[in-house]
């Protein structure tokens, strides 16, 4: 149980904590703008739900493939330099949207997203564990939830700004599209694809600005304490990082949680237009904003509540809340089902940072390696949406929400039992036990 008297952080770490927390706000742009890109590029290129879901496959594929190299690199060059590398890769990926829009090639957009998300994996691998060690271990989950709260602020702003600057509001029925000439259709698709140029050029500038701020700042390299409270961790001698069952279960929980969160967010606009068919796309996008507002409120509220309620218990409560809301969304109709799905955002809020912090408990010198695995598990956000898209194409988007329903079941299991620490057997202990038996 969390020590409720533990301070959030120490005075010497306040400035680094604030600066690193800004990164949480920043990568929300890349992640949450996808929820606007999916319906936008679906329209621009005439894609099916399954095809449009490959935006998340490309994006979270970058996270998956970039996470392990990011962790290895940070073990060699430290947090600050690793974060700088990530920011520069992010800027490169965002800049690639300009030629992608000019060429009007869906595959090029996917490549640009892959590059940008590879950079964001560096930010995630570095910032998440860095925040957990900027203060007492007892308050690590609370500290990470607070930092992630500013990620939620970015999550709220991004769909609103994306809908404002990317969604054109121009919609044609299938009959109108089929009546267009080849030149008219090409001009329409080119106009829609070109809507992303300005926003992603601005995003490139933001990444470069933050990189400059990080470069000229002083971020201390914090030694990660071991399970015995010293810098020399007893778990250095563990057979492997897989010897920590709570981490393995945490990686699985994070896979399912991110898959559920991204799957729900990706299809909020489609869900609204399915259950309330006459809703214009810009109005449907406002429900996505509401979904993210709930996410932000939940992050700040969860950080405050966690000072009194143990992190695992609160995770279980929020998991059950998400499960119930998705069940209502599937079983109800009209506005009731839409509101239920919007409310899922609130219950999603604390899951990522809480799973992350609980999974890294007592890893000591293996913390960066464990962080890499947890970031790799974000690939769930690239695999779950295509499954939902395939089900939607075969039946309807409402039925596709059965997939996140299953995901939340595992999150609840992790919160109730999976997070619990078990003794780690080191190589020396195993050898000693063998000698005794002999």
Protein backbone atom coordinates (compact mmCIF):
# COMPACT_ATOMS: atom_id res chain seq x y z
CA UNK A 1 0.00 0.00 0.00
CA UNK A 2 1.20 3.48 -0.87
CA UNK A 3 2.61 5.56 1.97
CA UNK A 4 0.18 8.47 2.06
CA UNK A 5 2.66 10.73 3.92
CA UNK A 6 5.36 10.47 1.25
CA UNK A 7 6.01 13.83 -0.49
CA UNK A 8 5.32 14.07 -4.20
CA UNK A 9 8.96 14.94 -4.97
CA UNK A 10 12.01 16.71 -3.54
CA UNK A 11 12.83 20.40 -3.95
CA UNK A 12 15.91 19.71 -6.08
CA UNK A 13 13.80 17.75 -8.57
CA UNK A 14 10.96 20.28 -9.00
CA UNK A 15 12.43 22.05 -12.07
CA UNK A 16 13.38 18.80 -13.88
CA UNK A 17 9.94 17.38 -13.04
CA UNK A 18 8.20 20.41 -14.60
CA UNK A 19 10.35 20.29 -17.74
CA UNK A 20 9.92 16.55 -18.29
CA UNK A 21 6.20 16.86 -17.63
CA UNK A 22 6.00 19.17 -20.66
CA UNK A 23 6.96 16.15 -22.79
CA UNK A 24 3.80 14.37 -21.65
CA UNK A 25 1.79 17.27 -23.06
CA UNK A 26 3.81 17.19 -26.28
CA UNK A 27 3.44 13.56 -27.29
CA UNK A 28 -0.34 13.78 -26.76
CA UNK A 29 -0.37 15.73 -30.02
CA UNK A 30 0.93 12.82 -32.06
CA UNK A 31 -1.16 10.14 -30.35
CA UNK A 32 -4.51 11.93 -30.26
CA UNK A 33 -4.36 13.62 -33.64
CA UNK A 34 -4.67 10.13 -35.10
CA UNK A 35 -8.29 10.05 -33.94
CA UNK A 36 -8.94 12.94 -36.32
CA UNK A 37 -6.65 11.61 -39.07
CA UNK A 38 -8.52 8.30 -39.23
CA UNK A 39 -11.89 9.72 -40.38
CA UNK A 40 -10.12 12.45 -42.40
CA UNK A 41 -7.85 10.16 -44.42
CA UNK A 42 -10.66 7.60 -44.68
CA UNK A 43 -12.60 10.28 -46.54
CA UNK A 44 -9.59 11.63 -48.47
CA UNK A 45 -8.59 8.22 -49.85
CA UNK A 46 -11.95 6.38 -49.82
CA UNK A 47 -10.81 3.83 -47.25
CA UNK A 48 -12.74 1.15 -45.35
CA UNK A 49 -12.71 1.12 -41.52
CA UNK A 50 -10.12 -1.65 -41.65
CA UNK A 51 -7.86 0.27 -44.06
CA UNK A 52 -8.13 3.51 -42.08
CA UNK A 53 -7.14 1.66 -38.90
CA UNK A 54 -3.68 1.14 -40.41
CA UNK A 55 -2.93 4.67 -39.23
CA UNK A 56 -2.75 3.20 -35.75
CA UNK A 57 -0.81 0.16 -36.98
CA UNK A 58 1.88 2.42 -38.46
CA UNK A 59 1.93 4.74 -35.47
CA UNK A 60 2.11 2.14 -32.74
CA UNK A 61 4.37 -0.05 -34.85
CA UNK A 62 6.91 2.76 -34.52
CA UNK A 63 6.47 2.67 -30.76
CA UNK A 64 6.98 -1.07 -30.71
CA UNK A 65 10.11 -1.16 -32.86
CA UNK A 66 11.63 1.98 -31.35
CA UNK A 67 11.16 1.14 -27.67
CA UNK A 68 13.90 -1.45 -27.15
CA UNK A 69 16.59 0.53 -29.03
CA UNK A 70 15.50 3.60 -27.06
CA UNK A 71 15.97 1.79 -23.74
CA UNK A 72 19.36 0.41 -24.77
CA UNK A 73 20.52 3.81 -26.01
CA UNK A 74 19.42 5.57 -22.83
CA UNK A 75 21.35 3.07 -20.74
CA UNK A 76 24.46 4.28 -22.61
CA UNK A 77 23.86 8.03 -23.10
CA UNK A 78 21.40 8.89 -20.31
CA UNK A 79 17.92 10.36 -20.16
CA UNK A 80 18.66 13.86 -21.49
CA UNK A 81 20.48 12.85 -24.67
CA UNK A 82 18.00 10.05 -25.32
CA UNK A 83 15.09 12.48 -25.05
CA UNK A 84 16.83 14.88 -27.44
CA UNK A 85 17.27 12.09 -29.99
CA UNK A 86 13.56 11.31 -29.67
CA UNK A 87 12.51 14.93 -30.21
CA UNK A 88 14.61 15.25 -33.37
CA UNK A 89 13.14 12.02 -34.79
CA UNK A 90 9.64 13.31 -33.97
CA UNK A 91 10.34 16.57 -35.82
CA UNK A 92 11.57 14.63 -38.86
CA UNK A 93 8.41 12.48 -38.94
CA UNK A 94 6.10 15.50 -38.62
CA UNK A 95 7.97 17.29 -41.43
CA UNK A 96 7.46 14.27 -43.73
CA UNK A 97 3.73 15.05 -43.74
CA UNK A 98 4.44 17.93 -46.12
CA UNK A 99 5.72 15.77 -49.04
CA UNK A 100 3.15 13.08 -48.16
CA UNK A 101 0.35 15.63 -48.64
CA UNK A 102 1.93 16.92 -51.86
CA UNK A 103 2.17 13.39 -53.29
CA UNK A 104 -1.28 12.40 -52.03
CA UNK A 105 -0.04 8.93 -51.09
CA UNK A 106 -1.65 7.12 -48.16
CA UNK A 107 1.43 4.88 -47.76
CA UNK A 108 3.66 7.97 -47.38
CA UNK A 109 1.39 9.26 -44.59
CA UNK A 110 1.78 5.92 -42.83
CA UNK A 111 5.58 6.12 -43.17
CA UNK A 112 5.61 9.66 -41.73
CA UNK A 113 3.52 8.49 -38.78
CA UNK A 114 5.88 5.55 -38.25
CA UNK A 115 8.92 7.85 -38.10
CA UNK A 116 7.24 10.32 -35.74
CA UNK A 117 6.05 7.60 -33.39
CA UNK A 118 9.51 6.01 -33.34
CA UNK A 119 10.74 9.29 -31.88
CA UNK A 120 7.87 9.41 -29.42
CA UNK A 121 8.85 5.97 -28.16
CA UNK A 122 12.14 7.54 -27.02
CA UNK A 123 10.18 10.18 -25.12
CA UNK A 124 7.97 7.55 -23.48
CA UNK A 125 10.88 5.25 -22.57
CA UNK A 126 12.76 8.16 -21.03
CA UNK A 127 10.10 10.34 -19.43
CA UNK A 128 7.91 7.71 -17.74
CA UNK A 129 10.61 6.01 -15.63
CA UNK A 130 12.42 9.33 -15.11
CA UNK A 131 9.34 10.77 -13.42
CA UNK A 132 8.99 7.69 -11.19
CA UNK A 133 12.51 8.21 -9.74
CA UNK A 134 12.27 12.00 -9.25
CA UNK A 135 11.22 11.55 -5.64
CA UNK A 136 10.23 8.91 -3.09
CA UNK A 137 9.36 5.46 -4.45
CA UNK A 138 6.17 5.42 -2.34
CA UNK A 139 4.66 8.29 -4.34
CA UNK A 140 5.87 7.16 -7.78
CA UNK A 141 2.38 6.22 -9.05
CA UNK A 142 0.92 9.54 -7.86
CA UNK A 143 3.80 11.47 -9.42
CA UNK A 144 3.43 9.70 -12.76
CA UNK A 145 -0.35 10.21 -12.74
CA UNK A 146 0.18 13.94 -12.15
CA UNK A 147 2.68 14.19 -15.03
CA UNK A 148 0.34 12.19 -17.26
CA UNK A 149 -2.46 14.63 -16.36
CA UNK A 150 -0.78 17.17 -18.60
CA UNK A 151 -0.74 14.55 -21.34
CA UNK A 152 -4.52 14.57 -20.89
CA UNK A 153 -4.60 18.35 -21.36
CA UNK A 154 -2.91 17.84 -24.72
CA UNK A 155 -5.34 15.02 -25.47
CA UNK A 156 -8.26 17.43 -25.00
CA UNK A 157 -6.78 20.23 -27.08
CA UNK A 158 -5.59 18.04 -29.96
CA UNK A 159 -8.97 16.71 -31.26
CA UNK A 160 -10.45 20.21 -31.00
CA UNK A 161 -7.59 21.80 -32.94
CA UNK A 162 -7.44 18.85 -35.33
CA UNK A 163 -11.14 19.16 -36.13
CA UNK A 164 -10.70 22.92 -36.59
CA UNK A 165 -7.67 22.84 -38.89
CA UNK A 166 -7.77 19.38 -40.53
CA UNK A 167 -11.43 18.45 -41.00
CA UNK A 168 -12.75 20.46 -43.94
CA UNK A 169 -16.43 19.87 -43.21
CA UNK A 170 -16.93 18.98 -46.89
CA UNK A 171 -18.82 15.68 -47.11
CA UNK A 172 -20.24 13.95 -50.16
CA UNK A 173 -22.55 10.97 -50.30
CA UNK A 174 -21.45 7.83 -52.22
CA UNK A 175 -23.85 8.82 -54.98
CA UNK A 176 -22.33 12.30 -55.27
CA UNK A 177 -18.79 10.86 -55.37
CA UNK A 178 -19.72 8.36 -58.09
CA UNK A 179 -21.20 11.21 -60.16
CA UNK A 180 -17.90 13.16 -60.14
CA UNK A 181 -15.51 13.09 -63.03
CA UNK A 182 -12.03 11.64 -62.56
CA UNK A 183 -10.55 15.16 -62.41
CA UNK A 184 -13.12 16.38 -59.88
CA UNK A 185 -12.56 13.36 -57.65
CA UNK A 186 -8.77 13.78 -57.83
CA UNK A 187 -9.06 17.48 -56.96
CA UNK A 188 -11.31 16.68 -53.98
CA UNK A 189 -8.91 14.03 -52.66
CA UNK A 190 -5.92 16.35 -53.15
CA UNK A 191 -7.66 19.14 -51.24
CA UNK A 192 -8.50 16.84 -48.32
CA UNK A 193 -4.96 15.38 -48.17
CA UNK A 194 -3.46 18.88 -48.27
CA UNK A 195 -5.38 19.96 -45.14
CA UNK A 196 -2.67 18.41 -42.93
CA UNK A 197 0.24 20.53 -44.18
CA UNK A 198 -0.16 23.56 -41.92
CA UNK A 199 -0.88 21.64 -38.69
CA UNK A 200 2.05 19.25 -39.09
CA UNK A 201 4.45 22.05 -40.05
CA UNK A 202 3.47 23.73 -36.77
CA UNK A 203 4.00 20.45 -34.91
CA UNK A 204 7.50 20.19 -36.41
CA UNK A 205 8.32 23.63 -35.01
CA UNK A 206 7.01 22.69 -31.56
CA UNK A 207 9.19 19.58 -31.39
CA UNK A 208 12.27 21.60 -32.35
CA UNK A 209 11.49 24.33 -29.80
CA UNK A 210 11.15 21.82 -26.96
CA UNK A 211 14.38 20.12 -28.09
CA UNK A 212 16.17 23.47 -27.76
CA UNK A 213 14.75 23.98 -24.25
CA UNK A 214 15.85 20.49 -23.19
CA UNK A 215 19.32 20.99 -24.72
CA UNK A 216 20.01 24.16 -22.71
CA UNK A 217 18.52 22.79 -19.46
CA UNK A 218 20.14 20.78 -16.67
CA UNK A 219 18.47 17.41 -16.25
CA UNK A 220 20.16 15.33 -13.52
CA UNK A 221 20.88 11.67 -14.18
CA UNK A 222 19.11 10.03 -11.25
CA UNK A 223 20.44 6.71 -9.97
CA UNK A 224 17.66 4.13 -9.80
CA UNK A 225 17.45 2.63 -6.31
CA UNK A 226 17.28 -1.10 -5.93
CA UNK A 227 14.78 -3.04 -3.92
CA UNK A 228 17.04 -2.72 -0.89
CA UNK A 229 16.92 1.07 -1.08
CA UNK A 230 20.52 1.45 -2.33
CA UNK A 231 21.99 2.11 -5.75
CA UNK A 232 23.34 -1.45 -5.92
CA UNK A 233 20.23 -3.43 -6.58
CA UNK A 234 19.91 -6.99 -5.46
CA UNK A 235 18.01 -7.66 -8.63
CA UNK A 236 21.12 -7.00 -10.77
CA UNK A 237 21.73 -10.70 -10.29
CA UNK A 238 18.28 -11.80 -11.36
CA UNK A 239 18.24 -14.42 -14.09
CA UNK A 240 16.48 -11.99 -16.46
CA UNK A 241 13.93 -9.24 -16.47
CA UNK A 242 11.32 -11.94 -17.16
CA UNK A 243 11.94 -13.19 -13.61
CA UNK A 244 9.57 -10.44 -12.42
CA UNK A 245 6.02 -11.81 -12.82
CA UNK A 246 4.37 -8.50 -11.94
CA UNK A 247 6.26 -6.83 -14.83
CA UNK A 248 5.25 -9.52 -17.31
CA UNK A 249 1.62 -9.21 -16.28
CA UNK A 250 1.96 -5.43 -16.41
CA UNK A 251 3.23 -5.59 -20.00
CA UNK A 252 0.17 -7.68 -20.95
CA UNK A 253 -2.15 -5.31 -19.08
CA UNK A 254 -0.60 -2.31 -20.82
CA UNK A 255 -1.03 -4.03 -24.20
CA UNK A 256 -4.74 -4.54 -23.58
CA UNK A 257 -5.28 -1.14 -22.00
CA UNK A 258 -3.61 0.83 -24.80
CA UNK A 259 -5.42 -1.31 -27.36
CA UNK A 260 -8.74 -0.51 -25.69
CA UNK A 261 -8.00 3.20 -25.27
CA UNK A 262 -6.84 3.67 -28.85
CA UNK A 263 -9.57 1.44 -30.24
CA UNK A 264 -12.31 3.39 -28.47
CA UNK A 265 -10.81 6.79 -29.33
CA UNK A 266 -10.18 5.86 -32.96
CA UNK A 267 -13.80 5.04 -33.59
CA UNK A 268 -15.69 7.57 -31.43
CA UNK A 269 -16.54 9.65 -34.51
CA UNK A 270 -17.56 6.55 -36.46
CA UNK A 271 -19.57 5.29 -33.46
CA UNK A 272 -21.48 8.59 -33.26
CA UNK A 273 -22.25 8.58 -36.97
CA UNK A 274 -23.45 4.96 -36.73
CA UNK A 275 -25.72 5.38 -33.72
CA UNK A 276 -26.82 8.94 -34.65
CA UNK A 277 -26.62 8.79 -38.49
CA UNK A 278 -27.51 12.40 -39.32
CA UNK A 279 -24.70 13.88 -37.19
CA UNK A 280 -22.22 15.99 -39.26
CA UNK A 281 -18.54 15.02 -38.89
CA UNK A 282 -17.59 18.24 -37.09
CA UNK A 283 -20.39 17.70 -34.58
CA UNK A 284 -19.36 14.06 -34.14
CA UNK A 285 -15.82 15.29 -33.46
CA UNK A 286 -17.15 17.27 -30.49
CA UNK A 287 -18.10 13.98 -28.82
CA UNK A 288 -14.46 12.95 -29.25
CA UNK A 289 -13.46 16.19 -27.53
CA UNK A 290 -15.88 15.32 -24.72
CA UNK A 291 -14.28 11.88 -24.49
CA UNK A 292 -10.86 13.52 -24.03
CA UNK A 293 -12.19 16.13 -21.58
CA UNK A 294 -13.37 13.24 -19.39
CA UNK A 295 -9.90 11.73 -19.77
CA UNK A 296 -8.29 14.96 -18.55
CA UNK A 297 -10.67 15.36 -15.62
CA UNK A 298 -10.04 11.75 -14.62
CA UNK A 299 -6.26 12.25 -14.69
CA UNK A 300 -6.31 15.23 -12.32
CA UNK A 301 -9.03 13.72 -10.13
CA UNK A 302 -7.25 10.37 -10.06
CA UNK A 303 -3.98 12.00 -8.98
CA UNK A 304 -5.77 13.64 -6.07
CA UNK A 305 -7.75 10.53 -5.07
CA UNK A 306 -4.62 8.36 -5.21
CA UNK A 307 -3.20 10.24 -2.24
CA UNK A 308 -5.88 8.50 -0.15
CA UNK A 309 -6.81 5.39 -2.15
CA UNK A 310 -4.11 2.81 -2.99
CA UNK A 311 -3.21 2.83 -6.67
CA UNK A 312 -4.21 -0.83 -7.37
CA UNK A 313 -7.64 -0.37 -5.81
CA UNK A 314 -8.32 2.81 -7.80
CA UNK A 315 -7.17 1.05 -10.98
CA UNK A 316 -9.69 -1.74 -10.31
CA UNK A 317 -12.51 0.76 -9.72
CA UNK A 318 -11.75 2.65 -12.93
CA UNK A 319 -11.41 -0.63 -14.85
CA UNK A 320 -14.87 -1.70 -13.75
CA UNK A 321 -16.24 1.73 -14.69
CA UNK A 322 -14.81 1.43 -18.21
CA UNK A 323 -16.17 -2.10 -18.56
CA UNK A 324 -19.70 -1.00 -17.58
CA UNK A 325 -19.64 2.00 -19.93
CA UNK A 326 -18.55 -0.08 -22.92
CA UNK A 327 -21.23 -2.67 -22.12
CA UNK A 328 -23.87 0.11 -22.12
CA UNK A 329 -22.45 1.48 -25.35
CA UNK A 330 -22.87 -1.91 -27.00
CA UNK A 331 -26.30 -2.69 -25.57
CA UNK A 332 -28.01 0.73 -25.74
CA UNK A 333 -28.76 2.94 -28.74
CA UNK A 334 -28.80 6.59 -29.76
CA UNK A 335 -27.55 9.26 -27.39
CA UNK A 336 -27.39 6.89 -24.40
CA UNK A 337 -24.85 4.63 -26.08
CA UNK A 338 -22.81 7.63 -27.30
CA UNK A 339 -22.67 9.19 -23.83
CA UNK A 340 -21.56 5.87 -22.36
CA UNK A 341 -18.66 5.66 -24.83
CA UNK A 342 -17.75 9.30 -24.14
CA UNK A 343 -17.56 8.48 -20.42
CA UNK A 344 -15.05 5.70 -21.10
CA UNK A 345 -12.49 8.49 -21.47
CA UNK A 346 -12.83 9.37 -17.79
CA UNK A 347 -12.21 5.80 -16.65
CA UNK A 348 -9.28 5.34 -19.06
CA UNK A 349 -7.52 8.26 -17.45
CA UNK A 350 -5.38 6.68 -14.71
CA UNK A 351 -4.77 3.30 -16.32
CA UNK A 352 -1.58 3.87 -18.32
CA UNK A 353 0.50 5.63 -15.64
CA UNK A 354 -0.78 3.39 -12.86
CA UNK A 355 -0.03 0.16 -14.74
CA UNK A 356 3.36 1.62 -15.69
CA UNK A 357 4.32 2.56 -12.12
CA UNK A 358 3.07 -0.70 -10.56
CA UNK A 359 4.94 -2.74 -13.18
CA UNK A 360 8.27 -0.99 -12.52
CA UNK A 361 8.22 -1.60 -8.75
CA UNK A 362 11.49 -3.07 -7.43
CA UNK A 363 13.18 -3.42 -10.83
CA UNK A 364 16.19 -1.41 -9.68
CA UNK A 365 18.92 -1.33 -12.35
CA UNK A 366 16.52 -3.00 -14.80
CA UNK A 367 14.07 -0.08 -14.70
CA UNK A 368 14.99 1.27 -18.15
CA UNK A 369 14.76 -2.22 -19.63
CA UNK A 370 11.37 -2.73 -18.01
CA UNK A 371 10.26 0.66 -19.30
CA UNK A 372 11.21 -0.41 -22.83
CA UNK A 373 9.02 -3.51 -22.57
CA UNK A 374 6.11 -1.46 -21.28
CA UNK A 375 6.46 1.00 -24.14
CA UNK A 376 6.71 -1.91 -26.60
CA UNK A 377 3.40 -3.16 -25.25
CA UNK A 378 1.86 0.01 -26.66
CA UNK A 379 1.71 -1.97 -29.91
CA UNK A 380 -1.71 -2.98 -28.60
CA UNK A 381 -2.84 0.39 -29.93
CA UNK A 382 -1.79 -0.75 -33.40
CA UNK A 383 -3.33 -4.22 -33.28
CA UNK A 384 -6.66 -3.78 -31.50
CA UNK A 385 -8.12 -1.07 -33.81
CA UNK A 386 -7.69 -3.20 -36.98
CA UNK A 387 -9.53 -6.04 -35.25
CA UNK A 388 -12.31 -3.59 -34.42
CA UNK A 389 -12.23 -2.23 -37.98
CA UNK A 390 -12.56 -5.72 -39.44
CA UNK A 391 -15.52 -6.51 -37.18
CA UNK A 392 -17.09 -3.15 -38.08
CA UNK A 393 -16.75 -3.80 -41.81
CA UNK A 394 -18.30 -7.26 -41.34
CA UNK A 395 -21.14 -6.13 -39.06
CA UNK A 396 -21.15 -2.67 -37.44
CA UNK A 397 -18.94 -0.45 -35.29
CA UNK A 398 -21.12 -0.94 -32.21
CA UNK A 399 -20.50 -4.68 -32.17
CA UNK A 400 -16.76 -4.03 -32.63
CA UNK A 401 -16.67 -2.54 -29.13
CA UNK A 402 -16.80 -6.09 -27.74
CA UNK A 403 -13.02 -6.09 -28.26
CA UNK A 404 -12.21 -3.32 -25.72
CA UNK A 405 -14.72 -4.97 -23.38
CA UNK A 406 -12.45 -8.03 -23.21
CA UNK A 407 -9.36 -5.81 -22.82
CA UNK A 408 -10.74 -4.13 -19.71
CA UNK A 409 -11.35 -7.52 -18.11
CA UNK A 410 -7.60 -8.20 -18.07
CA UNK A 411 -6.85 -4.72 -16.71
CA UNK A 412 -9.18 -5.46 -13.80
CA UNK A 413 -7.36 -8.75 -13.17
CA UNK A 414 -4.01 -6.94 -13.06
CA UNK A 415 -5.40 -4.37 -10.62
CA UNK A 416 -6.78 -7.05 -8.30
CA UNK A 417 -4.00 -9.65 -8.34
CA UNK A 418 -1.51 -9.36 -11.20
CA UNK A 419 0.41 -6.36 -9.85
CA UNK A 420 1.45 -8.09 -6.61
CA UNK A 421 5.20 -8.49 -6.12
CA UNK A 422 6.75 -11.93 -5.77
CA UNK A 423 10.25 -12.82 -4.57
CA UNK A 424 12.86 -12.79 -7.34
CA UNK A 425 15.35 -15.64 -7.31
CA UNK A 426 18.87 -14.51 -8.24
CA UNK A 427 21.47 -16.69 -9.97
CA UNK A 428 23.46 -16.95 -6.74
CA UNK A 429 20.39 -18.02 -4.76
CA UNK A 430 19.48 -20.63 -7.36
CA UNK A 431 23.01 -22.01 -7.28
CA UNK A 432 23.02 -22.12 -3.48
CA UNK A 433 19.67 -23.93 -3.48
CA UNK A 434 21.05 -26.51 -5.91
CA UNK A 435 24.09 -27.13 -3.70
CA UNK A 436 21.89 -27.63 -0.64
CA UNK A 437 19.74 -30.15 -2.50
CA UNK A 438 22.87 -31.92 -3.71
